[in-house]
């Protein structure tokens, strides 16, 4: 490759990454070179050169306090992310599958669909139970943080009479309700009309006793959950709403950081991420400006939040093609912004981190999942998974499995390539 060709390619890469499609097309026509991302081995090369130049000419000569971490991210990753479809679960759901969670250590998933029914389904499409919740579609699920393969075996042995708090799955619905189910039997344990509009996320706190919900009714709900144990009758759970936190726009997502206490809140039409303590919600929130330059221009807002397994990073998907990776220690940006293709109609951001925190797996156009290498910003795989939109993604690090669901009424189970 000649220096001129390399220069042309990195300019084309920058235009593509920043969504300047018309300018890229004009440049291709002018120089007679079609852009192909595979011609370069990593992303963000032009900006890397720009930053290096700015640092070398700066009078302050700032020290890059994250240099070692960036180098580790760049060199890290073994490529063992899930990319091969191992099982297709179809013929079970009559409507779109909206949310999915993989049961730990089991070849089974819990799904929520547009018909408002939560199902426990095997990889072989066997149906164990189906329970209606709310009066609208089931939009989100969350498994109890203490649910393990061993505790599941206990439920399997004792049924609903052995219900422990860890056996409870939380479901948020279109009608604003929060429902609690027994994950093994499907028994409805409790239901509460927590919000006035869609509940778009339910999330267990690290203590396994509190639940957080967020809704398009512009609020976040903090709930205490009590599950009586033992007895021959089906136990009933108790939901107590401890506090409501109101915002000025629809809440898009919430996510607990790995400490199980710090709660990140994504709100529509603002460039700020909110961080609060669910244990002390009355205390002042920390506002994290998502604009790297520190300005207050709202060119995008956060829609989906996923903390990394290592706890050091937070992936923020926005309402644009842009995805940010923030450090949770000081809320600075990592070196590369991740870019997807233009989103399609009814696109729902969905993402998961790989267990080594070097890759993120993200829903993309045309039913695909794109895998990004965080350290280089490069797309390392584009996996055709569904016929239409990928609606939700769940990852299990113990078995290195990725689960996806879609408007095409199927669930896919992906594993890594056999080495």
Foldseek 3Di string as FASTA:
>chain_A
DDPVVVVLQLVLLVCVQVVVVVVSVVSCVVVVDHHDQVVDDFHDPVVVVVVVVCLVPDPVNDDDPCVVVLVCLQPDDDQFFWFFFDAKQDPQFPFFFFEKDDQAPFQWIWTWGFCQKIWIAGSVNDTQDIDHDDRGTWHYKDAQPPRHPVVVVVCVVPPQQQDDLRQWMWIWGQQQKIWIARNRRRHTQDMDNHDRGGFNYWDAFPVSQWIWTFWQNQKIWIWGKDWDHHDDDRTHIDIDTPDIDGDDGGWQDWDDQPVRFWIWTWGPPFQWIWIDGSVCRVDDTDTQGNDQVPDGDPPWTFHDWEAALVRQWIWTDIPFQWIWIAGPVPRHTRDDIAGAPGADPPAHWEKYAANVNQWIWIWHAQQWIWIAGVSRNDTPDIHRDDRGGWNYWYADRVQSWIWTTTRVRMITITGGDDD
